[in-house]
Each structure stands twice: as C-alpha cells, then as structure tokens.
Amino acid sequence: MNAVLVESLLGGDREWSGPCVVVLDAEASVKTPGPDSVVTGGQKSYAPRFSSGRIEADACYLLKDLSALVLVSQQTFKDSTGASHVRQTMVVADLAHVVALEFTKLTPLKRLGVEAPVISEAEYRPGMLVG
C-alpha cells in the first residue's frame, strides 16, 4: 500500500491513530470462532482455528521512515480463578505487505478530501428481503 496514502488515512501527524483493521497479504493472525471449553470428564474441547491476514488494532502508528506500521491491541480476559488480566499485543507490519486499512467510522474520508456518502435506509437493494 502506498505510504503517502496510509499517512493520509492515519492523520499525517505522526501520532497514534484510532482503531482499525489492517489487512496483510500474509496469514498473520489466528482466529477462533468461539471459545475453548471443558466437557464431561474434564476433557478439553478446542474451538477450530483459522488463519487470517486481518489484524484488529486498537491503535496504530506509521514509523517516520514509512517502512512499517506498528499495531497495538489490548484484550481483557478472566482466568480460571475469575481474576481479570489485560493482555497487550504489538505487531510491526511491513508496509509493503499491507493490502488495506479498514475503519469502523467514516472520518478518514475527510482526510482524503472525500465527502461521506448519504445512504438511505428506504432504498431496496439486491438481496434484501421485503416483507
């Protein structure tokens, strides 16, 4: 992905930017569709795992030399005793392998000079069920 475009999307001010999903051209993360569980007799049942190129980040930072994107995520979980723990993960992704950035809000459009689209809820689109 073009470094100038990534810099524009992240604000261009060399500060940590908000949450986004970074799509890489590699199988960079392992996901589970559900939790592991303990079944009868204390036997563990593991949820299936699948690899993905999507990395969810709570914050990201473009390095000054435009070579890599630093991604940080934080998960809170409880152990078997019920105590809460925080796990922070940092990934450094080569910018040459970043395929896309996905945002949950449309605010990066303004940084690109593009107006946010107006999407009407009353329109019928292909595949919609009409009751």
N, C-alpha and C. Protein backbone atom coordinates (compact mmCIF):
# COMPACT_ATOMS: atom_id res chain seq x y z
N MET A 1 0.84 -1.16 0.00
CA MET A 1 0.00 0.00 0.00
C MET A 1 0.90 1.24 0.00
N ASN A 2 0.46 2.25 -0.66
CA ASN A 2 1.22 3.48 -0.80
C ASN A 2 1.39 4.16 0.56
N ALA A 3 2.63 4.49 0.94
CA ALA A 3 2.93 5.07 2.24
C ALA A 3 2.27 6.43 2.42
N VAL A 4 2.19 7.21 1.37
CA VAL A 4 1.56 8.54 1.46
C VAL A 4 0.07 8.40 1.74
N LEU A 5 -0.56 7.42 1.11
CA LEU A 5 -1.99 7.17 1.34
C LEU A 5 -2.22 6.71 2.78
N VAL A 6 -1.39 5.81 3.27
CA VAL A 6 -1.53 5.34 4.65
C VAL A 6 -1.35 6.51 5.63
N GLU A 7 -0.36 7.35 5.35
CA GLU A 7 -0.13 8.51 6.21
C GLU A 7 -1.34 9.45 6.21
N SER A 8 -1.95 9.65 5.06
CA SER A 8 -3.15 10.49 4.98
C SER A 8 -4.31 9.89 5.76
N LEU A 9 -4.51 8.58 5.64
CA LEU A 9 -5.61 7.92 6.34
C LEU A 9 -5.44 7.96 7.85
N LEU A 10 -4.19 7.91 8.30
CA LEU A 10 -3.93 7.90 9.74
C LEU A 10 -3.83 9.30 10.33
N GLY A 11 -3.95 10.33 9.51
CA GLY A 11 -3.98 11.69 10.03
C GLY A 11 -2.78 12.52 9.65
N GLY A 12 -1.66 11.91 9.29
CA GLY A 12 -0.49 12.65 8.86
C GLY A 12 0.25 13.40 9.94
N ASP A 13 -0.12 13.21 11.21
CA ASP A 13 0.53 13.96 12.28
C ASP A 13 1.50 13.13 13.10
N ARG A 14 1.79 11.93 12.66
CA ARG A 14 2.73 11.03 13.34
C ARG A 14 2.39 10.82 14.81
N GLU A 15 1.11 10.62 15.07
CA GLU A 15 0.63 10.27 16.39
C GLU A 15 -0.13 8.98 16.28
N TRP A 16 -0.39 8.35 17.39
CA TRP A 16 -1.18 7.12 17.38
C TRP A 16 -2.58 7.44 16.89
N SER A 17 -3.07 6.64 15.97
CA SER A 17 -4.43 6.85 15.47
C SER A 17 -5.34 5.78 16.06
N GLY A 18 -6.64 5.99 15.88
CA GLY A 18 -7.65 5.14 16.49
C GLY A 18 -7.73 3.74 15.93
N PRO A 19 -8.77 3.03 16.32
CA PRO A 19 -8.89 1.62 15.95
C PRO A 19 -9.09 1.42 14.45
N CYS A 20 -8.51 0.33 13.97
CA CYS A 20 -8.68 -0.05 12.57
C CYS A 20 -8.33 -1.52 12.41
N VAL A 21 -8.66 -2.05 11.26
CA VAL A 21 -8.28 -3.41 10.90
C VAL A 21 -7.29 -3.29 9.75
N VAL A 22 -6.15 -3.94 9.90
CA VAL A 22 -5.12 -3.93 8.86
C VAL A 22 -5.16 -5.27 8.16
N VAL A 23 -5.27 -5.24 6.84
CA VAL A 23 -5.31 -6.47 6.04
C VAL A 23 -3.94 -6.64 5.40
N LEU A 24 -3.32 -7.79 5.67
CA LEU A 24 -2.00 -8.10 5.14
C LEU A 24 -2.10 -9.19 4.08
N ASP A 25 -1.10 -9.27 3.22
CA ASP A 25 -1.07 -10.33 2.22
C ASP A 25 -0.38 -11.57 2.77
N ALA A 26 -0.57 -11.82 4.05
CA ALA A 26 0.01 -12.98 4.72
C ALA A 26 -0.98 -13.51 5.75
N GLU A 27 -0.78 -14.74 6.17
CA GLU A 27 -1.62 -15.30 7.23
C GLU A 27 -0.98 -14.91 8.55
N ALA A 28 -1.32 -13.72 9.02
CA ALA A 28 -0.62 -13.10 10.14
C ALA A 28 -1.27 -13.32 11.49
N SER A 29 -2.51 -13.75 11.53
CA SER A 29 -3.17 -13.93 12.82
C SER A 29 -3.99 -15.21 12.80
N VAL A 30 -4.21 -15.74 13.99
CA VAL A 30 -5.01 -16.95 14.14
C VAL A 30 -6.26 -16.56 14.91
N LYS A 31 -7.41 -16.91 14.38
CA LYS A 31 -8.69 -16.56 14.99
C LYS A 31 -9.45 -17.83 15.38
N THR A 32 -10.33 -17.70 16.35
CA THR A 32 -11.23 -18.77 16.73
C THR A 32 -12.66 -18.24 16.68
N PRO A 33 -13.58 -18.99 16.09
CA PRO A 33 -14.97 -18.51 16.03
C PRO A 33 -15.70 -18.60 17.36
N GLY A 34 -15.13 -19.31 18.31
CA GLY A 34 -15.78 -19.45 19.62
C GLY A 34 -14.75 -19.82 20.67
N PRO A 35 -15.19 -19.92 21.92
CA PRO A 35 -14.24 -20.23 23.00
C PRO A 35 -13.94 -21.72 23.10
N ASP A 36 -12.79 -22.03 23.70
CA ASP A 36 -12.50 -23.41 24.05
C ASP A 36 -13.36 -23.75 25.26
N SER A 37 -13.64 -25.02 25.47
CA SER A 37 -14.48 -25.37 26.61
C SER A 37 -14.02 -26.69 27.22
N VAL A 38 -14.46 -26.91 28.44
CA VAL A 38 -14.19 -28.16 29.14
C VAL A 38 -15.48 -28.95 29.13
N VAL A 39 -15.41 -30.17 28.61
CA VAL A 39 -16.60 -31.02 28.52
C VAL A 39 -16.55 -32.06 29.62
N THR A 40 -17.41 -33.03 29.56
CA THR A 40 -17.51 -34.04 30.61
C THR A 40 -16.18 -34.75 30.84
N GLY A 41 -15.94 -35.07 32.09
CA GLY A 41 -14.71 -35.78 32.44
C GLY A 41 -13.48 -34.90 32.43
N GLY A 42 -13.65 -33.58 32.36
CA GLY A 42 -12.52 -32.66 32.37
C GLY A 42 -11.77 -32.59 31.05
N GLN A 43 -12.34 -33.20 30.02
CA GLN A 43 -11.68 -33.20 28.72
C GLN A 43 -11.91 -31.86 28.03
N LYS A 44 -10.84 -31.32 27.44
CA LYS A 44 -10.96 -30.02 26.76
C LYS A 44 -11.43 -30.20 25.34
N SER A 45 -12.31 -29.30 24.93
CA SER A 45 -12.77 -29.26 23.55
C SER A 45 -12.30 -27.93 22.97
N TYR A 46 -11.43 -27.99 21.98
CA TYR A 46 -10.86 -26.79 21.40
C TYR A 46 -11.70 -26.31 20.22
N ALA A 47 -11.95 -25.01 20.20
CA ALA A 47 -12.67 -24.40 19.07
C ALA A 47 -11.75 -24.46 17.86
N PRO A 48 -12.32 -24.57 16.67
CA PRO A 48 -11.47 -24.61 15.47
C PRO A 48 -10.70 -23.30 15.30
N ARG A 49 -9.52 -23.41 14.75
CA ARG A 49 -8.68 -22.24 14.49
C ARG A 49 -8.58 -22.04 12.98
N PHE A 50 -8.49 -20.79 12.57
CA PHE A 50 -8.22 -20.50 11.16
C PHE A 50 -7.30 -19.29 11.09
N SER A 51 -6.45 -19.29 10.08
CA SER A 51 -5.51 -18.18 9.93
C SER A 51 -6.10 -17.12 9.02
N SER A 52 -5.68 -15.89 9.25
CA SER A 52 -6.24 -14.76 8.52
C SER A 52 -5.17 -13.70 8.32
N GLY A 53 -5.37 -12.86 7.34
CA GLY A 53 -4.49 -11.73 7.11
C GLY A 53 -5.00 -10.46 7.76
N ARG A 54 -6.09 -10.57 8.51
CA ARG A 54 -6.70 -9.40 9.15
C ARG A 54 -6.21 -9.28 10.59
N ILE A 55 -5.68 -8.10 10.93
CA ILE A 55 -5.23 -7.84 12.29
C ILE A 55 -6.03 -6.66 12.83
N GLU A 56 -6.75 -6.90 13.92
CA GLU A 56 -7.53 -5.84 14.56
C GLU A 56 -6.63 -5.09 15.52
N ALA A 57 -6.57 -3.78 15.36
CA ALA A 57 -5.70 -2.96 16.20
C ALA A 57 -6.51 -1.89 16.91
N ASP A 58 -6.22 -1.68 18.19
CA ASP A 58 -6.85 -0.60 18.94
C ASP A 58 -6.18 0.73 18.63
N ALA A 59 -4.90 0.69 18.25
CA ALA A 59 -4.15 1.89 17.87
C ALA A 59 -3.07 1.49 16.87
N CYS A 60 -2.74 2.40 15.98
CA CYS A 60 -1.66 2.13 15.02
C CYS A 60 -0.84 3.39 14.81
N TYR A 61 0.41 3.16 14.38
CA TYR A 61 1.37 4.24 14.23
C TYR A 61 2.25 3.95 13.02
N LEU A 62 2.39 4.92 12.13
CA LEU A 62 3.25 4.77 10.96
C LEU A 62 4.64 5.30 11.34
N LEU A 63 5.66 4.46 11.19
CA LEU A 63 7.02 4.87 11.54
C LEU A 63 7.49 6.01 10.65
N LYS A 64 8.42 6.80 11.16
CA LYS A 64 8.87 8.01 10.46
C LYS A 64 9.52 7.71 9.12
N ASP A 65 10.16 6.54 8.99
CA ASP A 65 10.81 6.22 7.72
C ASP A 65 9.84 5.57 6.72
N LEU A 66 8.56 5.53 7.06
CA LEU A 66 7.49 4.98 6.21
C LEU A 66 7.71 3.53 5.81
N SER A 67 8.41 2.77 6.64
CA SER A 67 8.69 1.38 6.30
C SER A 67 7.76 0.38 6.97
N ALA A 68 7.19 0.75 8.11
CA ALA A 68 6.39 -0.21 8.86
C ALA A 68 5.26 0.47 9.60
N LEU A 69 4.27 -0.33 9.92
CA LEU A 69 3.11 0.11 10.68
C LEU A 69 3.12 -0.65 12.00
N VAL A 70 3.08 0.08 13.12
CA VAL A 70 3.06 -0.55 14.44
C VAL A 70 1.61 -0.64 14.89
N LEU A 71 1.17 -1.85 15.22
CA LEU A 71 -0.22 -2.11 15.61
C LEU A 71 -0.25 -2.61 17.05
N VAL A 72 -1.12 -2.01 17.87
CA VAL A 72 -1.24 -2.40 19.26
C VAL A 72 -2.69 -2.76 19.54
N SER A 73 -2.89 -3.90 20.20
CA SER A 73 -4.25 -4.28 20.61
C SER A 73 -4.22 -4.72 22.07
N GLN A 74 -5.36 -4.62 22.70
CA GLN A 74 -5.47 -4.94 24.12
C GLN A 74 -6.71 -5.78 24.35
N GLN A 75 -6.54 -6.92 25.02
CA GLN A 75 -7.67 -7.77 25.37
C GLN A 75 -7.71 -7.95 26.88
N THR A 76 -8.91 -7.92 27.42
CA THR A 76 -9.13 -8.19 28.83
C THR A 76 -9.79 -9.55 28.94
N PHE A 77 -9.25 -10.41 29.81
CA PHE A 77 -9.82 -11.74 29.96
C PHE A 77 -9.75 -12.15 31.42
N LYS A 78 -10.53 -13.17 31.75
CA LYS A 78 -10.54 -13.70 33.11
C LYS A 78 -9.93 -15.09 33.10
N ASP A 79 -9.12 -15.38 34.11
CA ASP A 79 -8.54 -16.72 34.21
C ASP A 79 -9.49 -17.64 34.96
N SER A 80 -9.04 -18.85 35.25
CA SER A 80 -9.92 -19.84 35.89
C SER A 80 -10.34 -19.45 37.30
N THR A 81 -9.59 -18.54 37.94
CA THR A 81 -9.97 -18.09 39.29
C THR A 81 -10.92 -16.91 39.27
N GLY A 82 -11.16 -16.33 38.08
CA GLY A 82 -12.05 -15.19 37.96
C GLY A 82 -11.33 -13.85 37.99
N ALA A 83 -10.01 -13.87 38.14
CA ALA A 83 -9.24 -12.63 38.17
C ALA A 83 -9.10 -12.08 36.75
N SER A 84 -9.26 -10.78 36.61
CA SER A 84 -9.14 -10.14 35.29
C SER A 84 -7.68 -9.84 34.98
N HIS A 85 -7.32 -10.06 33.73
CA HIS A 85 -5.97 -9.77 33.25
C HIS A 85 -6.09 -8.99 31.94
N VAL A 86 -5.08 -8.17 31.68
CA VAL A 86 -5.02 -7.42 30.44
C VAL A 86 -3.83 -7.93 29.64
N ARG A 87 -4.08 -8.28 28.40
CA ARG A 87 -3.02 -8.73 27.51
C ARG A 87 -2.86 -7.71 26.39
N GLN A 88 -1.68 -7.14 26.27
CA GLN A 88 -1.40 -6.21 25.20
C GLN A 88 -0.51 -6.89 24.17
N THR A 89 -0.82 -6.67 22.90
CA THR A 89 -0.08 -7.28 21.81
C THR A 89 0.39 -6.18 20.87
N MET A 90 1.64 -6.28 20.44
CA MET A 90 2.18 -5.34 19.47
C MET A 90 2.64 -6.12 18.25
N VAL A 91 2.24 -5.64 17.08
CA VAL A 91 2.66 -6.23 15.81
C VAL A 91 3.30 -5.13 14.98
N VAL A 92 4.44 -5.41 14.40
CA VAL A 92 5.09 -4.48 13.49
C VAL A 92 4.94 -5.09 12.10
N ALA A 93 4.17 -4.42 11.23
CA ALA A 93 3.88 -4.93 9.89
C ALA A 93 4.63 -4.14 8.85
N ASP A 94 5.30 -4.85 7.95
CA ASP A 94 6.00 -4.22 6.83
C ASP A 94 4.96 -3.55 5.94
N LEU A 95 5.16 -2.28 5.63
CA LEU A 95 4.19 -1.53 4.85
C LEU A 95 4.03 -2.10 3.43
N ALA A 96 5.05 -2.80 2.96
CA ALA A 96 4.97 -3.41 1.63
C ALA A 96 3.97 -4.56 1.60
N HIS A 97 3.60 -5.11 2.77
CA HIS A 97 2.65 -6.22 2.82
C HIS A 97 1.26 -5.80 3.28
N VAL A 98 1.06 -4.51 3.53
CA VAL A 98 -0.26 -4.01 3.90
C VAL A 98 -1.09 -3.86 2.63
N VAL A 99 -2.23 -4.53 2.59
CA VAL A 99 -3.10 -4.51 1.42
C VAL A 99 -4.21 -3.48 1.59
N ALA A 100 -4.73 -3.36 2.81
CA ALA A 100 -5.86 -2.46 3.04
C ALA A 100 -5.94 -2.06 4.50
N LEU A 101 -6.59 -0.94 4.74
CA LEU A 101 -6.93 -0.49 6.09
C LEU A 101 -8.44 -0.38 6.16
N GLU A 102 -9.01 -0.90 7.22
CA GLU A 102 -10.47 -0.89 7.39
C GLU A 102 -10.81 -0.13 8.66
N PHE A 103 -11.70 0.84 8.53
CA PHE A 103 -12.09 1.68 9.65
C PHE A 103 -13.58 1.48 9.94
N THR A 104 -13.97 1.60 11.21
CA THR A 104 -15.38 1.45 11.58
C THR A 104 -16.15 2.76 11.43
N LYS A 105 -15.42 3.87 11.32
CA LYS A 105 -16.06 5.17 11.13
C LYS A 105 -15.59 5.76 9.81
N LEU A 106 -16.33 6.73 9.30
CA LEU A 106 -16.00 7.33 8.01
C LEU A 106 -15.15 8.58 8.12
N THR A 107 -14.61 8.88 9.28
CA THR A 107 -13.80 10.09 9.45
C THR A 107 -12.55 10.14 8.57
N PRO A 108 -11.89 9.01 8.24
CA PRO A 108 -10.72 9.11 7.34
C PRO A 108 -11.06 9.63 5.95
N LEU A 109 -12.33 9.59 5.54
CA LEU A 109 -12.71 10.13 4.23
C LEU A 109 -12.39 11.63 4.14
N LYS A 110 -12.61 12.36 5.22
CA LYS A 110 -12.33 13.80 5.22
C LYS A 110 -10.85 14.07 4.98
N ARG A 111 -10.00 13.21 5.52
CA ARG A 111 -8.55 13.37 5.33
C ARG A 111 -8.14 13.18 3.88
N LEU A 112 -8.96 12.42 3.14
CA LEU A 112 -8.68 12.20 1.72
C LEU A 112 -9.36 13.24 0.84
N GLY A 113 -10.16 14.11 1.45
CA GLY A 113 -10.88 15.12 0.68
C GLY A 113 -12.13 14.58 0.02
N VAL A 114 -12.71 13.53 0.58
CA VAL A 114 -13.91 12.89 0.03
C VAL A 114 -15.05 13.08 1.02
N GLU A 115 -16.21 13.47 0.50
CA GLU A 115 -17.39 13.60 1.35
C GLU A 115 -17.97 12.22 1.67
N ALA A 116 -18.49 12.07 2.87
CA ALA A 116 -19.13 10.81 3.26
C ALA A 116 -20.41 10.61 2.46
N PRO A 117 -20.68 9.38 2.00
CA PRO A 117 -21.90 9.15 1.22
C PRO A 117 -23.15 9.21 2.09
N VAL A 118 -24.25 9.56 1.47
CA VAL A 118 -25.54 9.54 2.14
C VAL A 118 -26.23 8.24 1.73
N ILE A 119 -26.44 7.38 2.68
CA ILE A 119 -27.05 6.08 2.39
C ILE A 119 -28.44 6.07 2.98
N SER A 120 -29.42 5.98 2.13
CA SER A 120 -30.81 5.99 2.56
C SER A 120 -31.24 4.59 2.96
N GLU A 121 -31.91 4.48 4.08
CA GLU A 121 -32.38 3.19 4.56
C GLU A 121 -33.64 2.72 3.83
N ALA A 122 -34.33 3.62 3.13
CA ALA A 122 -35.60 3.27 2.48
C ALA A 122 -35.41 2.61 1.12
N GLU A 123 -34.18 2.62 0.61
CA GLU A 123 -33.93 2.02 -0.69
C GLU A 123 -33.92 0.50 -0.61
N TYR A 124 -34.34 -0.14 -1.66
CA TYR A 124 -34.26 -1.57 -1.76
C TYR A 124 -33.04 -1.93 -2.55
N ARG A 125 -32.24 -2.81 -2.01
CA ARG A 125 -31.01 -3.24 -2.69
C ARG A 125 -31.15 -4.70 -3.08
N PRO A 126 -30.36 -5.15 -4.05
CA PRO A 126 -30.40 -6.57 -4.42
C PRO A 126 -30.09 -7.44 -3.21
N GLY A 127 -30.87 -8.47 -3.04
CA GLY A 127 -30.67 -9.40 -1.94
C GLY A 127 -31.45 -9.08 -0.70
N MET A 128 -32.12 -7.92 -0.64
CA MET A 128 -32.90 -7.56 0.54
C MET A 128 -34.22 -8.31 0.52
N LEU A 129 -34.65 -8.74 1.69
CA LEU A 129 -35.95 -9.39 1.81
C LEU A 129 -37.00 -8.32 2.08
N VAL A 130 -38.06 -8.34 1.34
CA VAL A 130 -39.13 -7.36 1.51
C VAL A 130 -40.35 -8.11 2.05
N GLY A 131 -40.86 -7.61 3.18
CA GLY A 131 -41.96 -8.32 3.83
C GLY A 131 -43.28 -7.69 3.63
